[in-house]
């Protein structure tokens, strides 16, 4: 595998979308800030929601990265993007780079390549 090459991506619905689904479809669940709670085991509704949304997504990311590194090797660079990437990255050591604007950077490169 050559270095500095994008080999592929994985997409999943983010914690913001999951939170919105819970708030709009479950009876009487309050909207919460998407921040890591002090403990993984929630002692009230707010911390339980925060734990599930933040730590649940940390588990998703860690599981996916383990699969990527099993396929590509342990030195694979992992870049997280999206509006809540930093929240997740603070809770795990499997993310190497956080770039919330990565998609826009890529679109700029594609535009420049196609500009005539």
N, C-alpha and C. Protein backbone atom coordinates (compact mmCIF):
# COMPACT_ATOMS: atom_id res chain seq x y z
N UNK A 1 0.85 -1.17 0.00
CA UNK A 1 0.00 0.00 0.00
C UNK A 1 0.89 1.23 0.00
N UNK A 2 0.65 2.14 -0.93
CA UNK A 2 1.43 3.38 -1.00
C UNK A 2 0.95 4.35 0.07
N UNK A 3 1.90 5.10 0.68
CA UNK A 3 1.49 6.09 1.69
C UNK A 3 0.76 7.26 1.05
N UNK A 4 0.02 7.98 1.89
CA UNK A 4 -0.70 9.18 1.47
C UNK A 4 -1.72 8.93 0.37
N UNK A 5 -2.39 7.83 0.45
CA UNK A 5 -3.43 7.48 -0.51
C UNK A 5 -4.72 7.24 0.22
N UNK A 6 -5.80 7.78 -0.30
CA UNK A 6 -7.12 7.48 0.24
C UNK A 6 -7.56 6.16 -0.38
N UNK A 7 -7.69 5.15 0.45
CA UNK A 7 -8.06 3.83 -0.04
C UNK A 7 -9.56 3.57 0.03
N UNK A 8 -10.25 4.34 0.83
CA UNK A 8 -11.69 4.16 0.96
C UNK A 8 -12.18 4.83 2.22
N UNK A 9 -13.46 4.77 2.41
CA UNK A 9 -14.09 5.40 3.57
C UNK A 9 -15.19 4.50 4.11
N UNK A 10 -15.64 4.81 5.29
CA UNK A 10 -16.84 4.19 5.85
C UNK A 10 -17.76 5.32 6.30
N UNK A 11 -19.00 5.19 5.98
CA UNK A 11 -20.00 6.19 6.37
C UNK A 11 -21.02 5.55 7.30
N UNK A 12 -21.40 6.29 8.30
CA UNK A 12 -22.44 5.83 9.23
C UNK A 12 -23.22 7.06 9.67
N UNK A 13 -24.47 6.87 10.03
CA UNK A 13 -25.20 8.02 10.58
C UNK A 13 -24.50 8.47 11.85
N UNK A 14 -24.44 9.76 12.06
CA UNK A 14 -23.71 10.30 13.21
C UNK A 14 -24.54 10.39 14.47
N UNK A 15 -23.90 10.72 15.56
CA UNK A 15 -24.61 10.84 16.83
C UNK A 15 -25.67 11.94 16.82
N UNK A 16 -25.45 12.99 16.02
CA UNK A 16 -26.45 14.05 15.94
C UNK A 16 -27.75 13.55 15.34
N UNK A 17 -27.66 12.77 14.28
CA UNK A 17 -28.85 12.19 13.65
C UNK A 17 -29.53 11.19 14.56
N UNK A 18 -28.74 10.39 15.25
CA UNK A 18 -29.31 9.43 16.20
C UNK A 18 -30.02 10.15 17.33
N UNK A 19 -29.38 11.21 17.83
CA UNK A 19 -30.01 11.99 18.90
C UNK A 19 -31.32 12.59 18.44
N UNK A 20 -31.31 13.15 17.24
CA UNK A 20 -32.53 13.76 16.71
C UNK A 20 -33.66 12.73 16.59
N UNK A 21 -33.31 11.52 16.15
CA UNK A 21 -34.32 10.46 16.06
C UNK A 21 -34.89 10.13 17.44
N UNK A 22 -34.04 10.05 18.43
CA UNK A 22 -34.52 9.77 19.79
C UNK A 22 -35.42 10.88 20.30
N UNK A 23 -35.01 12.13 20.09
CA UNK A 23 -35.76 13.25 20.63
C UNK A 23 -37.11 13.41 19.96
N UNK A 24 -37.18 13.09 18.65
CA UNK A 24 -38.43 13.30 17.94
C UNK A 24 -39.34 12.08 17.95
N UNK A 25 -38.80 10.91 18.17
CA UNK A 25 -39.62 9.69 18.08
C UNK A 25 -39.89 8.99 19.40
N UNK A 26 -39.13 9.32 20.43
CA UNK A 26 -39.35 8.69 21.73
C UNK A 26 -40.08 9.67 22.64
N UNK A 27 -41.03 9.16 23.33
CA UNK A 27 -41.86 10.02 24.17
C UNK A 27 -41.05 10.64 25.31
N UNK A 28 -41.12 11.96 25.37
CA UNK A 28 -40.64 12.73 26.51
C UNK A 28 -39.13 12.65 26.79
N UNK A 29 -38.33 12.23 25.84
CA UNK A 29 -36.88 12.29 26.06
C UNK A 29 -36.42 13.71 25.81
N UNK A 30 -35.62 14.25 26.72
CA UNK A 30 -35.18 15.64 26.54
C UNK A 30 -34.02 15.73 25.55
N UNK A 31 -33.89 16.88 24.93
CA UNK A 31 -32.71 17.15 24.12
C UNK A 31 -31.54 17.33 25.07
N UNK A 32 -30.39 16.77 24.71
CA UNK A 32 -29.20 16.90 25.56
C UNK A 32 -28.04 17.39 24.72
N UNK A 33 -27.07 17.97 25.37
CA UNK A 33 -25.83 18.34 24.69
C UNK A 33 -25.06 17.06 24.39
N UNK A 34 -24.48 17.00 23.20
CA UNK A 34 -23.70 15.81 22.83
C UNK A 34 -22.27 15.97 23.33
N UNK A 35 -22.11 15.71 24.61
CA UNK A 35 -20.82 15.73 25.28
C UNK A 35 -20.70 14.44 26.08
N UNK A 36 -19.48 14.04 26.33
CA UNK A 36 -19.26 12.82 27.12
C UNK A 36 -19.66 13.07 28.57
N UNK A 37 -20.45 12.17 29.12
CA UNK A 37 -20.78 12.31 30.54
C UNK A 37 -19.59 11.86 31.39
N UNK A 38 -19.68 12.13 32.67
CA UNK A 38 -18.59 11.77 33.57
C UNK A 38 -18.38 10.26 33.66
N UNK A 39 -19.46 9.50 33.57
CA UNK A 39 -19.39 8.03 33.70
C UNK A 39 -20.14 7.37 32.55
N UNK A 40 -19.72 6.17 32.19
CA UNK A 40 -20.37 5.44 31.11
C UNK A 40 -21.77 4.96 31.52
N UNK A 41 -21.94 4.67 32.78
CA UNK A 41 -23.25 4.21 33.26
C UNK A 41 -24.04 5.43 33.72
N UNK A 42 -25.08 5.75 32.97
CA UNK A 42 -25.89 6.92 33.30
C UNK A 42 -26.70 6.71 34.55
N UNK A 43 -26.74 7.73 35.39
CA UNK A 43 -27.52 7.68 36.63
C UNK A 43 -28.82 8.47 36.52
N UNK A 44 -29.00 9.12 35.37
CA UNK A 44 -30.23 9.85 35.11
C UNK A 44 -30.43 9.86 33.59
N UNK A 45 -31.54 10.39 33.15
CA UNK A 45 -31.87 10.35 31.72
C UNK A 45 -30.84 11.09 30.88
N UNK A 46 -30.42 12.26 31.33
CA UNK A 46 -29.47 13.06 30.55
C UNK A 46 -28.14 12.32 30.39
N UNK A 47 -27.57 11.85 31.49
CA UNK A 47 -26.27 11.17 31.38
C UNK A 47 -26.40 9.83 30.66
N UNK A 48 -27.55 9.17 30.77
CA UNK A 48 -27.76 7.92 30.05
C UNK A 48 -27.80 8.17 28.54
N UNK A 49 -28.50 9.23 28.13
CA UNK A 49 -28.54 9.59 26.71
C UNK A 49 -27.15 9.98 26.21
N UNK A 50 -26.46 10.80 26.95
CA UNK A 50 -25.12 11.22 26.55
C UNK A 50 -24.18 10.02 26.46
N UNK A 51 -24.26 9.11 27.40
CA UNK A 51 -23.41 7.92 27.37
C UNK A 51 -23.68 7.08 26.13
N UNK A 52 -24.94 6.81 25.88
CA UNK A 52 -25.28 6.00 24.71
C UNK A 52 -24.89 6.65 23.41
N UNK A 53 -25.11 7.95 23.31
CA UNK A 53 -24.81 8.65 22.06
C UNK A 53 -23.31 8.85 21.86
N UNK A 54 -22.59 9.26 22.88
CA UNK A 54 -21.16 9.51 22.72
C UNK A 54 -20.36 8.21 22.80
N UNK A 55 -20.49 7.49 23.89
CA UNK A 55 -19.68 6.27 24.05
C UNK A 55 -20.13 5.16 23.10
N UNK A 56 -21.41 5.16 22.74
CA UNK A 56 -21.87 4.20 21.73
C UNK A 56 -21.18 4.43 20.39
N UNK A 57 -21.05 5.69 20.01
CA UNK A 57 -20.36 6.00 18.76
C UNK A 57 -18.86 5.80 18.86
N UNK A 58 -18.29 6.01 20.04
CA UNK A 58 -16.87 5.69 20.23
C UNK A 58 -16.66 4.19 19.97
N UNK A 59 -17.55 3.37 20.50
CA UNK A 59 -17.46 1.92 20.27
C UNK A 59 -17.59 1.57 18.80
N UNK A 60 -18.49 2.24 18.09
CA UNK A 60 -18.65 2.02 16.66
C UNK A 60 -17.35 2.35 15.93
N UNK A 61 -16.78 3.52 16.25
CA UNK A 61 -15.55 3.95 15.59
C UNK A 61 -14.40 2.99 15.90
N UNK A 62 -14.24 2.63 17.15
CA UNK A 62 -13.15 1.72 17.52
C UNK A 62 -13.29 0.37 16.83
N UNK A 63 -14.51 -0.14 16.73
CA UNK A 63 -14.73 -1.40 16.03
C UNK A 63 -14.41 -1.31 14.55
N UNK A 64 -14.83 -0.23 13.92
CA UNK A 64 -14.54 -0.05 12.49
C UNK A 64 -13.04 0.11 12.25
N UNK A 65 -12.38 0.91 13.08
CA UNK A 65 -10.94 1.12 12.91
C UNK A 65 -10.18 -0.21 13.10
N UNK A 66 -10.60 -1.01 14.05
CA UNK A 66 -9.96 -2.32 14.23
C UNK A 66 -10.07 -3.15 12.96
N UNK A 67 -11.20 -3.11 12.30
CA UNK A 67 -11.38 -3.85 11.04
C UNK A 67 -10.51 -3.26 9.93
N UNK A 68 -10.43 -1.91 9.86
CA UNK A 68 -9.60 -1.28 8.84
C UNK A 68 -8.14 -1.68 9.02
N UNK A 69 -7.67 -1.61 10.25
CA UNK A 69 -6.26 -1.90 10.52
C UNK A 69 -5.96 -3.38 10.33
N UNK A 70 -6.94 -4.25 10.56
CA UNK A 70 -6.74 -5.67 10.29
C UNK A 70 -6.57 -5.91 8.79
N UNK A 71 -7.29 -5.12 7.98
CA UNK A 71 -7.20 -5.26 6.52
C UNK A 71 -6.01 -4.54 5.92
N UNK A 72 -5.64 -3.38 6.48
CA UNK A 72 -4.65 -2.51 5.85
C UNK A 72 -3.33 -2.42 6.59
N UNK A 73 -3.29 -2.87 7.83
CA UNK A 73 -2.07 -2.81 8.62
C UNK A 73 -2.19 -1.81 9.75
N UNK A 74 -1.40 -2.01 10.79
CA UNK A 74 -1.52 -1.20 12.00
C UNK A 74 -1.09 0.25 11.85
N UNK A 75 -0.36 0.58 10.79
CA UNK A 75 0.10 1.95 10.59
C UNK A 75 -0.90 2.82 9.81
N UNK A 76 -2.05 2.26 9.49
CA UNK A 76 -3.07 2.98 8.74
C UNK A 76 -3.46 4.26 9.47
N UNK A 77 -3.47 5.38 8.76
CA UNK A 77 -3.84 6.67 9.33
C UNK A 77 -5.37 6.81 9.29
N UNK A 78 -5.95 7.18 10.41
CA UNK A 78 -7.40 7.31 10.53
C UNK A 78 -7.76 8.78 10.68
N UNK A 79 -8.59 9.27 9.77
CA UNK A 79 -9.03 10.66 9.78
C UNK A 79 -10.53 10.69 10.06
N UNK A 80 -10.92 11.44 11.08
CA UNK A 80 -12.33 11.60 11.40
C UNK A 80 -12.80 12.94 10.86
N UNK A 81 -14.00 12.95 10.30
CA UNK A 81 -14.56 14.18 9.76
C UNK A 81 -16.01 14.29 10.18
N UNK A 82 -16.56 15.46 10.03
CA UNK A 82 -17.95 15.68 10.42
C UNK A 82 -18.01 16.59 11.63
N UNK A 83 -19.19 17.12 11.85
CA UNK A 83 -19.38 18.12 12.88
C UNK A 83 -19.10 17.67 14.30
N UNK A 84 -19.28 16.40 14.60
CA UNK A 84 -19.05 15.92 15.97
C UNK A 84 -17.82 15.03 16.07
N UNK A 85 -16.96 15.06 15.06
CA UNK A 85 -15.75 14.22 15.07
C UNK A 85 -14.88 14.50 16.29
N UNK A 86 -14.75 15.75 16.65
CA UNK A 86 -13.89 16.11 17.79
C UNK A 86 -14.42 15.54 19.10
N UNK A 87 -15.74 15.53 19.26
CA UNK A 87 -16.34 14.96 20.48
C UNK A 87 -15.97 13.49 20.61
N UNK A 88 -16.07 12.76 19.52
CA UNK A 88 -15.73 11.33 19.54
C UNK A 88 -14.23 11.14 19.70
N UNK A 89 -13.44 11.92 18.98
CA UNK A 89 -11.98 11.77 19.01
C UNK A 89 -11.41 11.99 20.41
N UNK A 90 -12.02 12.87 21.18
CA UNK A 90 -11.53 13.12 22.54
C UNK A 90 -11.66 11.88 23.43
N UNK A 91 -12.52 10.95 23.06
CA UNK A 91 -12.81 9.79 23.91
C UNK A 91 -12.12 8.50 23.45
N UNK A 92 -11.26 8.58 22.44
CA UNK A 92 -10.59 7.39 21.93
C UNK A 92 -9.21 7.75 21.41
N UNK A 93 -8.34 6.76 21.34
CA UNK A 93 -7.01 7.01 20.81
C UNK A 93 -6.82 6.40 19.41
N UNK A 94 -7.89 5.96 18.77
CA UNK A 94 -7.75 5.33 17.45
C UNK A 94 -7.82 6.32 16.30
N UNK A 95 -8.14 7.57 16.57
CA UNK A 95 -8.24 8.58 15.52
C UNK A 95 -6.94 9.38 15.50
N UNK A 96 -6.33 9.46 14.33
CA UNK A 96 -5.05 10.16 14.19
C UNK A 96 -5.24 11.64 13.88
N UNK A 97 -6.23 11.97 13.05
CA UNK A 97 -6.44 13.34 12.60
C UNK A 97 -7.93 13.64 12.62
N UNK A 98 -8.29 14.83 13.09
CA UNK A 98 -9.67 15.29 13.00
C UNK A 98 -9.70 16.44 12.00
N UNK A 99 -10.51 16.30 10.96
CA UNK A 99 -10.66 17.36 9.95
C UNK A 99 -12.15 17.49 9.62
N UNK A 100 -12.85 18.39 10.32
CA UNK A 100 -14.29 18.51 10.10
C UNK A 100 -14.65 18.98 8.70
N UNK A 101 -13.70 19.52 7.95
CA UNK A 101 -13.96 20.06 6.61
C UNK A 101 -13.37 19.19 5.50
N UNK A 102 -13.04 17.96 5.79
CA UNK A 102 -12.37 17.09 4.81
C UNK A 102 -13.16 16.97 3.50
N UNK A 103 -14.45 16.81 3.59
CA UNK A 103 -15.27 16.67 2.38
C UNK A 103 -15.17 17.92 1.52
N UNK A 104 -15.22 19.08 2.14
CA UNK A 104 -15.11 20.32 1.38
C UNK A 104 -13.72 20.49 0.77
N UNK A 105 -12.69 20.08 1.49
CA UNK A 105 -11.33 20.11 0.92
C UNK A 105 -11.27 19.24 -0.34
N UNK A 106 -11.85 18.06 -0.25
CA UNK A 106 -11.86 17.16 -1.40
C UNK A 106 -12.62 17.72 -2.58
N UNK A 107 -13.76 18.34 -2.32
CA UNK A 107 -14.53 18.96 -3.40
C UNK A 107 -13.75 20.09 -4.06
N UNK A 108 -12.98 20.85 -3.26
CA UNK A 108 -12.16 21.92 -3.82
C UNK A 108 -11.09 21.36 -4.75
N UNK A 109 -10.47 20.25 -4.34
CA UNK A 109 -9.46 19.61 -5.18
C UNK A 109 -10.08 19.11 -6.48
N UNK A 110 -11.24 18.48 -6.40
CA UNK A 110 -11.91 17.97 -7.60
C UNK A 110 -12.28 19.13 -8.52
N UNK A 111 -12.79 20.22 -7.95
CA UNK A 111 -13.13 21.40 -8.75
C UNK A 111 -11.88 21.92 -9.47
N UNK A 112 -10.78 22.05 -8.74
CA UNK A 112 -9.55 22.56 -9.35
C UNK A 112 -9.05 21.65 -10.46
N UNK A 113 -9.20 20.35 -10.29
CA UNK A 113 -8.76 19.40 -11.33
C UNK A 113 -9.63 19.50 -12.59
N UNK A 114 -10.89 19.89 -12.43
CA UNK A 114 -11.81 19.93 -13.55
C UNK A 114 -12.01 21.34 -14.14
N UNK A 115 -11.40 22.33 -13.51
CA UNK A 115 -11.53 23.70 -14.00
C UNK A 115 -10.79 23.85 -15.33
N UNK A 116 -11.44 24.44 -16.32
CA UNK A 116 -10.78 24.64 -17.62
C UNK A 116 -10.77 26.08 -18.03
